[in-house]
Amino acid sequence: MESTVEDYEIVLIDDGSTDRTYEISRAFQEKNNRLRIFKNEENLNVGISSQRAIQMASKEFLFWQTIDWSYDISELREFLEYLKTYDIVQGVRRMPVKVKIKFLKPFAGLLKLFGIDHITRRSDTISKAIISIINYSLIRTIFLVPLSDFQNVTFYPTKQIQSLKFESKSSFANPEGLIKSYWKGMSIKEVPISFIPRSEGAAKGTRSRAIISSVNDIFQLWFKWVVLGRREFIKYGRITRLNPHV
């Protein structure tokens, strides 16, 4: 961050951690007061914690990572430049599928998604990658938002994302922000941001409790927004997908 921008802040939400996150971060804060720490009194899940962090942000733009800083943001400075011409910049873990014959696109897309090469680059393990792909396919299919990734690094103008009313409590919060922004008429630029596998520790995002919570949010909000038509915005935005040949 020091080599990328002149001014920044890091908003950290301690969501009931049991591994001394709060103590370690407070010690770091004494060396770098750009770190702002907020501690939840109890575990509230990633969705609510992300929303709290969004509301605490005070700079012009923001982005967040919800999983152990597991995405490569080495080209952050280049990606920020796109915010001059687009409302939102969305990271993508794969090269999008390009098929000329229209009726073959869904089939070709599934083959690409479940291909070994793509699966091994998407997550730490095969099982986690498959869960991720099913989650992505479900969201894209029922909400009809043609993005190449929903769980990655997303760069927003702070005021724009703060103006959205979040309704999910699970990890669906990240896709919810993108879906509502698209329905609000925002322009979205896709950029390549690769997944970095963890080197230690155990992930909790694919535990049954987290999956059930996310799926519950997905279907409840789909029924409310799409089936019942209770969505605040119905003005489709513009998505510039990542070109796999560049």
C-alpha atoms as a PDB file:
ATOM      1  CA  MET A   1       0.000   0.000   0.000  1.00  0.00           C
ATOM      2  CA  GLU A   2       2.851   2.405   0.779  1.00  0.00           C
ATOM      3  CA  SER A   3       4.200   2.038  -2.754  1.00  0.00           C
ATOM      4  CA  THR A   4       0.748   2.277  -4.381  1.00  0.00           C
ATOM      5  CA  VAL A   5      -1.109   5.249  -2.895  1.00  0.00           C
ATOM      6  CA  GLU A   6      -0.350   8.328  -0.836  1.00  0.00           C
ATOM      7  CA  ASP A   7      -3.101   7.811   1.706  1.00  0.00           C
ATOM      8  CA  TYR A   8      -4.807   4.648   2.889  1.00  0.00           C
ATOM      9  CA  GLU A   9      -6.346   2.900   5.871  1.00  0.00           C
ATOM     10  CA  ILE A  10      -6.787  -0.727   6.860  1.00  0.00           C
ATOM     11  CA  VAL A  11     -10.080  -1.558   8.571  1.00  0.00           C
ATOM     12  CA  LEU A  12      -9.860  -4.816  10.508  1.00  0.00           C
ATOM     13  CA  ILE A  13     -12.907  -6.548  11.976  1.00  0.00           C
ATOM     14  CA  ASP A  14     -12.124  -9.085  14.710  1.00  0.00           C
ATOM     15  CA  ASP A  15     -15.132 -11.408  14.467  1.00  0.00           C
ATOM     16  CA  GLY A  16     -14.738 -13.257  17.756  1.00  0.00           C
ATOM     17  CA  SER A  17     -11.320 -14.655  16.874  1.00  0.00           C
ATOM     18  CA  THR A  18      -9.675 -17.136  19.258  1.00  0.00           C
ATOM     19  CA  ASP A  19      -6.122 -16.967  17.855  1.00  0.00           C
ATOM     20  CA  ARG A  20      -4.964 -13.658  19.442  1.00  0.00           C
ATOM     21  CA  THR A  21      -5.862 -11.642  16.336  1.00  0.00           C
ATOM     22  CA  TYR A  22      -6.947  -8.679  18.464  1.00  0.00           C
ATOM     23  CA  GLU A  23      -3.779  -8.612  20.612  1.00  0.00           C
ATOM     24  CA  ILE A  24      -1.468  -8.998  17.592  1.00  0.00           C
ATOM     25  CA  SER A  25      -3.274  -6.314  15.587  1.00  0.00           C
ATOM     26  CA  ARG A  26      -3.218  -3.872  18.520  1.00  0.00           C
ATOM     27  CA  ALA A  27       0.556  -4.325  18.770  1.00  0.00           C
ATOM     28  CA  PHE A  28       0.871  -3.636  15.034  1.00  0.00           C
ATOM     29  CA  GLN A  29      -1.379  -0.599  15.346  1.00  0.00           C
ATOM     30  CA  GLU A  30       1.194   1.021  17.651  1.00  0.00           C
ATOM     31  CA  LYS A  31       3.658   0.957  14.724  1.00  0.00           C
ATOM     32  CA  ASN A  32       1.170   1.935  12.012  1.00  0.00           C
ATOM     33  CA  ASN A  33      -1.838   4.018  13.014  1.00  0.00           C
ATOM     34  CA  ARG A  34      -3.395   3.546   9.565  1.00  0.00           C
ATOM     35  CA  LEU A  35      -4.790   0.303  10.981  1.00  0.00           C
ATOM     36  CA  ARG A  36      -8.279   0.736  12.479  1.00  0.00           C
ATOM     37  CA  ILE A  37      -9.529  -2.164  14.595  1.00  0.00           C
ATOM     38  CA  PHE A  38     -13.119  -3.027  15.468  1.00  0.00           C
ATOM     39  CA  LYS A  39     -14.017  -5.992  17.650  1.00  0.00           C
ATOM     40  CA  ASN A  40     -17.347  -7.827  17.450  1.00  0.00           C
ATOM     41  CA  GLU A  41     -18.645  -8.872  20.862  1.00  0.00           C
ATOM     42  CA  GLU A  42     -19.593 -12.224  19.372  1.00  0.00           C
ATOM     43  CA  ASN A  43     -19.045 -14.096  16.112  1.00  0.00           C
ATOM     44  CA  LEU A  44     -21.362 -12.487  13.540  1.00  0.00           C
ATOM     45  CA  ASN A  45     -20.135 -14.253  10.381  1.00  0.00           C
ATOM     46  CA  VAL A  46     -18.287 -12.875   7.389  1.00  0.00           C
ATOM     47  CA  GLY A  47     -21.316 -11.195   5.805  1.00  0.00           C
ATOM     48  CA  ILE A  48     -22.167  -8.899   8.696  1.00  0.00           C
ATOM     49  CA  SER A  49     -18.487  -8.277   9.447  1.00  0.00           C
ATOM     50  CA  SER A  50     -17.888  -7.207   5.832  1.00  0.00           C
ATOM     51  CA  GLN A  51     -20.850  -4.852   6.007  1.00  0.00           C
ATOM     52  CA  ARG A  52     -19.533  -3.350   9.242  1.00  0.00           C
ATOM     53  CA  ALA A  53     -16.134  -2.790   7.662  1.00  0.00           C
ATOM     54  CA  ILE A  54     -17.743  -1.099   4.645  1.00  0.00           C
ATOM     55  CA  GLN A  55     -19.603   1.363   6.861  1.00  0.00           C
ATOM     56  CA  MET A  56     -16.419   2.120   8.839  1.00  0.00           C
ATOM     57  CA  ALA A  57     -14.404   2.936   5.681  1.00  0.00           C
ATOM     58  CA  SER A  58     -13.563   6.622   5.233  1.00  0.00           C
ATOM     59  CA  LYS A  59     -11.397   6.861   2.112  1.00  0.00           C
ATOM     60  CA  GLU A  60     -12.564   7.542  -1.462  1.00  0.00           C
ATOM     61  CA  PHE A  61     -12.284   3.914  -2.635  1.00  0.00           C
ATOM     62  CA  LEU A  62     -12.285   0.584  -0.870  1.00  0.00           C
ATOM     63  CA  PHE A  63     -11.716  -3.110  -1.441  1.00  0.00           C
ATOM     64  CA  TRP A  64     -11.709  -6.098   0.853  1.00  0.00           C
ATOM     65  CA  GLN A  65     -10.564  -9.666   1.061  1.00  0.00           C
ATOM     66  CA  THR A  66     -12.629 -12.059   3.120  1.00  0.00           C
ATOM     67  CA  ILE A  67     -10.348 -15.110   3.037  1.00  0.00           C
ATOM     68  CA  ASP A  68      -6.882 -14.806   4.564  1.00  0.00           C
ATOM     69  CA  TRP A  69      -5.549 -12.318   2.006  1.00  0.00           C
ATOM     70  CA  SER A  70      -5.586 -15.097  -0.565  1.00  0.00           C
ATOM     71  CA  TYR A  71      -5.614 -13.101  -3.804  1.00  0.00           C
ATOM     72  CA  ASP A  72      -2.697 -11.610  -5.698  1.00  0.00           C
ATOM     73  CA  ILE A  73      -3.031  -7.800  -5.634  1.00  0.00           C
ATOM     74  CA  SER A  74       0.476  -7.059  -6.912  1.00  0.00           C
ATOM     75  CA  GLU A  75      -1.086  -5.087  -9.801  1.00  0.00           C
ATOM     76  CA  LEU A  76      -3.290  -3.048  -7.490  1.00  0.00           C
ATOM     77  CA  ARG A  77      -2.077   0.296  -8.843  1.00  0.00           C
ATOM     78  CA  GLU A  78      -2.991  -0.654 -12.419  1.00  0.00           C
ATOM     79  CA  PHE A  79      -6.436  -1.890 -11.374  1.00  0.00           C
ATOM     80  CA  LEU A  80      -7.195   1.323  -9.494  1.00  0.00           C
ATOM     81  CA  GLU A  81      -6.753   3.275 -12.735  1.00  0.00           C
ATOM     82  CA  TYR A  82      -9.871   1.591 -14.151  1.00  0.00           C
ATOM     83  CA  LEU A  83     -11.966   3.374 -11.533  1.00  0.00           C
ATOM     84  CA  LYS A  84     -11.502   6.533 -13.611  1.00  0.00           C
ATOM     85  CA  THR A  85     -13.703   5.070 -16.356  1.00  0.00           C
ATOM     86  CA  TYR A  86     -15.692   2.329 -14.574  1.00  0.00           C
ATOM     87  CA  ASP A  87     -17.785   2.371 -11.418  1.00  0.00           C
ATOM     88  CA  ILE A  88     -16.484  -0.962 -10.106  1.00  0.00           C
ATOM     89  CA  VAL A  89     -13.472  -3.213 -10.754  1.00  0.00           C
ATOM     90  CA  GLN A  90     -13.978  -6.949 -10.175  1.00  0.00           C
ATOM     91  CA  GLY A  91     -11.247  -9.560  -9.848  1.00  0.00           C
ATOM     92  CA  VAL A  92     -11.548 -12.836 -11.765  1.00  0.00           C
ATOM     93  CA  ARG A  93      -9.782 -16.099 -10.886  1.00  0.00           C
ATOM     94  CA  ARG A  94      -9.942 -17.562 -14.362  1.00  0.00           C
ATOM     95  CA  MET A  95      -9.932 -16.664 -17.999  1.00  0.00           C
ATOM     96  CA  PRO A  96     -13.584 -16.405 -19.143  1.00  0.00           C
ATOM     97  CA  VAL A  97     -14.853 -18.898 -21.698  1.00  0.00           C
ATOM     98  CA  LYS A  98     -15.215 -17.577 -25.254  1.00  0.00           C
ATOM     99  CA  VAL A  99     -17.493 -19.611 -27.564  1.00  0.00           C
ATOM    100  CA  LYS A 100     -18.873 -18.257 -30.841  1.00  0.00           C
ATOM    101  CA  ILE A 101     -21.856 -20.643 -31.182  1.00  0.00           C
ATOM    102  CA  LYS A 102     -24.478 -19.261 -28.803  1.00  0.00           C
ATOM    103  CA  PHE A 103     -26.291 -22.474 -27.814  1.00  0.00           C
ATOM    104  CA  LEU A 104     -22.967 -24.153 -26.946  1.00  0.00           C
ATOM    105  CA  LYS A 105     -21.832 -21.422 -24.548  1.00  0.00           C
ATOM    106  CA  PRO A 106     -23.398 -22.859 -21.352  1.00  0.00           C
ATOM    107  CA  PHE A 107     -22.043 -26.355 -22.062  1.00  0.00           C
ATOM    108  CA  ALA A 108     -18.565 -25.079 -22.937  1.00  0.00           C
ATOM    109  CA  GLY A 109     -18.594 -22.908 -19.853  1.00  0.00           C
ATOM    110  CA  LEU A 110     -19.351 -25.860 -17.571  1.00  0.00           C
ATOM    111  CA  LEU A 111     -16.594 -27.953 -19.166  1.00  0.00           C
ATOM    112  CA  LYS A 112     -14.163 -25.120 -18.558  1.00  0.00           C
ATOM    113  CA  LEU A 113     -15.305 -24.567 -14.974  1.00  0.00           C
ATOM    114  CA  PHE A 114     -14.965 -28.227 -14.016  1.00  0.00           C
ATOM    115  CA  GLY A 115     -11.740 -28.765 -15.953  1.00  0.00           C
ATOM    116  CA  ILE A 116      -8.819 -29.946 -13.819  1.00  0.00           C
ATOM    117  CA  ASP A 117      -6.641 -27.010 -14.840  1.00  0.00           C
ATOM    118  CA  HIS A 118      -9.245 -24.509 -13.669  1.00  0.00           C
ATOM    119  CA  ILE A 119     -10.204 -26.384 -10.484  1.00  0.00           C
ATOM    120  CA  THR A 120      -6.614 -26.683  -9.258  1.00  0.00           C
ATOM    121  CA  ARG A 121      -6.110 -22.927  -9.649  1.00  0.00           C
ATOM    122  CA  ARG A 122      -9.367 -21.871  -8.029  1.00  0.00           C
ATOM    123  CA  SER A 123      -8.923 -22.970  -4.409  1.00  0.00           C
ATOM    124  CA  ASP A 124      -6.774 -24.831  -1.878  1.00  0.00           C
ATOM    125  CA  THR A 125      -8.392 -28.223  -2.455  1.00  0.00           C
ATOM    126  CA  ILE A 126     -10.461 -29.939  -5.136  1.00  0.00           C
ATOM    127  CA  SER A 127     -13.517 -30.168  -2.851  1.00  0.00           C
ATOM    128  CA  LYS A 128     -13.387 -26.465  -1.978  1.00  0.00           C
ATOM    129  CA  ALA A 129     -12.960 -25.556  -5.643  1.00  0.00           C
ATOM    130  CA  ILE A 130     -16.016 -27.620  -6.637  1.00  0.00           C
ATOM    131  CA  ILE A 131     -18.110 -25.965  -3.906  1.00  0.00           C
ATOM    132  CA  SER A 132     -16.905 -22.581  -5.171  1.00  0.00           C
ATOM    133  CA  ILE A 133     -17.827 -23.409  -8.774  1.00  0.00           C
ATOM    134  CA  ILE A 134     -21.298 -24.679  -7.827  1.00  0.00           C
ATOM    135  CA  ASN A 135     -21.862 -21.523  -5.777  1.00  0.00           C
ATOM    136  CA  TYR A 136     -20.746 -19.324  -8.691  1.00  0.00           C
ATOM    137  CA  SER A 137     -22.880 -21.224 -11.226  1.00  0.00           C
ATOM    138  CA  LEU A 138     -25.963 -21.030  -9.006  1.00  0.00           C
ATOM    139  CA  ILE A 139     -25.649 -17.278  -8.387  1.00  0.00           C
ATOM    140  CA  ARG A 140     -25.007 -16.437 -12.019  1.00  0.00           C
ATOM    141  CA  THR A 141     -27.867 -18.637 -13.257  1.00  0.00           C
ATOM    142  CA  ILE A 142     -30.675 -17.507 -10.978  1.00  0.00           C
ATOM    143  CA  PHE A 143     -29.756 -13.814 -10.738  1.00  0.00           C
ATOM    144  CA  LEU A 144     -28.774 -13.467 -14.433  1.00  0.00           C
ATOM    145  CA  VAL A 145     -25.742 -11.284 -13.724  1.00  0.00           C
ATOM    146  CA  PRO A 146     -23.051 -12.207 -16.313  1.00  0.00           C
ATOM    147  CA  LEU A 147     -19.932 -11.801 -14.167  1.00  0.00           C
ATOM    148  CA  SER A 148     -16.998 -14.232 -14.336  1.00  0.00           C
ATOM    149  CA  ASP A 149     -16.447 -14.276 -10.558  1.00  0.00           C
ATOM    150  CA  PHE A 150     -18.421 -13.221  -7.479  1.00  0.00           C
ATOM    151  CA  GLN A 151     -16.005 -14.092  -4.674  1.00  0.00           C
ATOM    152  CA  ASN A 152     -12.788 -12.223  -5.328  1.00  0.00           C
ATOM    153  CA  VAL A 153     -11.352  -8.760  -4.733  1.00  0.00           C
ATOM    154  CA  THR A 154     -13.804  -5.996  -5.665  1.00  0.00           C
ATOM    155  CA  PHE A 155     -12.876  -2.299  -5.855  1.00  0.00           C
ATOM    156  CA  TYR A 156     -15.693   0.152  -5.115  1.00  0.00           C
ATOM    157  CA  PRO A 157     -16.148   3.896  -4.710  1.00  0.00           C
ATOM    158  CA  THR A 158     -16.788   3.987  -0.966  1.00  0.00           C
ATOM    159  CA  LYS A 159     -19.914   6.142  -1.068  1.00  0.00           C
ATOM    160  CA  GLN A 160     -21.452   3.930  -3.747  1.00  0.00           C
ATOM    161  CA  ILE A 161     -21.112   0.668  -1.812  1.00  0.00           C
ATOM    162  CA  GLN A 162     -22.128   2.360   1.436  1.00  0.00           C
ATOM    163  CA  SER A 163     -25.379   3.476  -0.218  1.00  0.00           C
ATOM    164  CA  LEU A 164     -26.505  -0.127  -0.765  1.00  0.00           C
ATOM    165  CA  LYS A 165     -28.786  -1.791   1.754  1.00  0.00           C
ATOM    166  CA  PHE A 166     -27.362  -5.237   2.462  1.00  0.00           C
ATOM    167  CA  GLU A 167     -29.780  -7.998   3.407  1.00  0.00           C
ATOM    168  CA  SER A 168     -27.609 -11.119   3.607  1.00  0.00           C
ATOM    169  CA  LYS A 169     -25.724 -12.254   6.695  1.00  0.00           C
ATOM    170  CA  SER A 170     -23.485 -14.870   5.082  1.00  0.00           C
ATOM    171  CA  SER A 171     -20.677 -14.877   2.521  1.00  0.00           C
ATOM    172  CA  PHE A 172     -23.354 -14.015  -0.041  1.00  0.00           C
ATOM    173  CA  ALA A 173     -22.751 -10.385   0.990  1.00  0.00           C
ATOM    174  CA  ASN A 174     -19.973 -10.053  -1.601  1.00  0.00           C
ATOM    175  CA  PRO A 175     -22.141 -11.244  -4.538  1.00  0.00           C
ATOM    176  CA  GLU A 176     -25.050  -9.189  -3.164  1.00  0.00           C
ATOM    177  CA  GLY A 177     -23.020  -6.001  -3.499  1.00  0.00           C
ATOM    178  CA  LEU A 178     -22.166  -6.826  -7.113  1.00  0.00           C
ATOM    179  CA  ILE A 179     -25.707  -7.889  -8.043  1.00  0.00           C
ATOM    180  CA  LYS A 180     -27.302  -4.768  -6.588  1.00  0.00           C
ATOM    181  CA  SER A 181     -24.657  -2.532  -8.153  1.00  0.00           C
ATOM    182  CA  TYR A 182     -25.338  -4.113 -11.564  1.00  0.00           C
ATOM    183  CA  TRP A 183     -29.081  -3.661 -11.102  1.00  0.00           C
ATOM    184  CA  LYS A 184     -28.417  -0.050 -10.129  1.00  0.00           C
ATOM    185  CA  GLY A 185     -26.847   0.548 -13.543  1.00  0.00           C
ATOM    186  CA  MET A 186     -23.190   0.524 -12.498  1.00  0.00           C
ATOM    187  CA  SER A 187     -20.417  -0.297 -14.989  1.00  0.00           C
ATOM    188  CA  ILE A 188     -18.098  -3.160 -13.983  1.00  0.00           C
ATOM    189  CA  LYS A 189     -14.624  -3.929 -15.349  1.00  0.00           C
ATOM    190  CA  GLU A 190     -13.186  -7.436 -14.878  1.00  0.00           C
ATOM    191  CA  VAL A 191      -9.453  -7.818 -14.198  1.00  0.00           C
ATOM    192  CA  PRO A 192      -7.292 -10.922 -13.617  1.00  0.00           C
ATOM    193  CA  ILE A 193      -6.586 -11.556  -9.914  1.00  0.00           C
ATOM    194  CA  SER A 194      -5.254 -15.029  -9.195  1.00  0.00           C
ATOM    195  CA  PHE A 195      -5.983 -17.155  -6.134  1.00  0.00           C
ATOM    196  CA  ILE A 196      -3.072 -17.803  -3.748  1.00  0.00           C
ATOM    197  CA  PRO A 197      -3.421 -21.122  -1.841  1.00  0.00           C
ATOM    198  CA  ARG A 198      -2.933 -20.955   1.923  1.00  0.00           C
ATOM    199  CA  SER A 199       0.354 -22.248   3.317  1.00  0.00           C
ATOM    200  CA  GLU A 200      -0.942 -23.062   6.806  1.00  0.00           C
ATOM    201  CA  GLY A 201      -4.084 -23.116   8.926  1.00  0.00           C
ATOM    202  CA  ALA A 202      -7.526 -24.490   8.144  1.00  0.00           C
ATOM    203  CA  ALA A 203     -10.269 -22.714   6.198  1.00  0.00           C
ATOM    204  CA  LYS A 204     -13.770 -22.447   7.693  1.00  0.00           C
ATOM    205  CA  GLY A 205     -15.634 -21.010   4.713  1.00  0.00           C
ATOM    206  CA  THR A 206     -16.669 -24.396   3.316  1.00  0.00           C
ATOM    207  CA  ARG A 207     -17.915 -25.898   6.570  1.00  0.00           C
ATOM    208  CA  SER A 208     -21.505 -27.137   6.413  1.00  0.00           C
ATOM    209  CA  ARG A 209     -22.789 -24.318   8.636  1.00  0.00           C
ATOM    210  CA  ALA A 210     -21.288 -21.633   6.385  1.00  0.00           C
ATOM    211  CA  ILE A 211     -22.554 -23.327   3.202  1.00  0.00           C
ATOM    212  CA  ILE A 212     -26.096 -23.718   4.559  1.00  0.00           C
ATOM    213  CA  SER A 213     -26.146 -20.079   5.668  1.00  0.00           C
ATOM    214  CA  SER A 214     -25.009 -18.884   2.248  1.00  0.00           C
ATOM    215  CA  VAL A 215     -27.435 -21.096   0.290  1.00  0.00           C
ATOM    216  CA  ASN A 216     -30.274 -19.972   2.548  1.00  0.00           C
ATOM    217  CA  ASP A 217     -29.478 -16.310   1.806  1.00  0.00           C
ATOM    218  CA  ILE A 218     -29.196 -17.003  -1.927  1.00  0.00           C
ATOM    219  CA  PHE A 219     -32.615 -18.624  -2.291  1.00  0.00           C
ATOM    220  CA  GLN A 220     -34.464 -16.360   0.137  1.00  0.00           C
ATOM    221  CA  LEU A 221     -33.202 -13.211  -1.563  1.00  0.00           C
ATOM    222  CA  TRP A 222     -33.688 -14.681  -5.057  1.00  0.00           C
ATOM    223  CA  PHE A 223     -37.329 -15.383  -4.190  1.00  0.00           C
ATOM    224  CA  LYS A 224     -37.760 -11.871  -2.790  1.00  0.00           C
ATOM    225  CA  TRP A 225     -35.914  -9.951  -5.527  1.00  0.00           C
ATOM    226  CA  VAL A 226     -36.638 -12.001  -8.665  1.00  0.00           C
ATOM    227  CA  VAL A 227     -39.810 -14.021  -8.043  1.00  0.00           C
ATOM    228  CA  LEU A 228     -41.666 -11.378  -6.021  1.00  0.00           C
ATOM    229  CA  GLY A 229     -39.966  -8.493  -7.833  1.00  0.00           C
ATOM    230  CA  ARG A 230     -39.063  -6.683  -4.621  1.00  0.00           C
ATOM    231  CA  ARG A 231     -35.789  -5.123  -5.674  1.00  0.00           C
ATOM    232  CA  GLU A 232     -34.973  -1.487  -5.325  1.00  0.00           C
ATOM    233  CA  PHE A 233     -33.164  -1.070  -8.656  1.00  0.00           C
ATOM    234  CA  ILE A 234     -34.018  -2.477 -12.087  1.00  0.00           C
ATOM    235  CA  LYS A 235     -31.578  -0.669 -14.347  1.00  0.00           C
ATOM    236  CA  TYR A 236     -29.011  -3.082 -15.750  1.00  0.00           C
ATOM    237  CA  GLY A 237     -25.416  -1.939 -15.799  1.00  0.00           C
ATOM    238  CA  ARG A 238     -22.563  -2.731 -18.166  1.00  0.00           C
ATOM    239  CA  ILE A 239     -19.968  -5.470 -17.664  1.00  0.00           C
ATOM    240  CA  THR A 240     -16.677  -5.472 -19.551  1.00  0.00           C
ATOM    241  CA  ARG A 241     -15.511  -9.065 -19.254  1.00  0.00           C
ATOM    242  CA  LEU A 242     -11.899 -10.118 -19.093  1.00  0.00           C
ATOM    243  CA  ASN A 243     -10.560 -10.909 -22.570  1.00  0.00           C
ATOM    244  CA  PRO A 244      -8.789 -14.304 -22.430  1.00  0.00           C
ATOM    245  CA  HIS A 245      -6.737 -13.472 -25.517  1.00  0.00           C
ATOM    246  CA  VAL A 246      -5.043 -10.389 -24.070  1.00  0.00           C
END
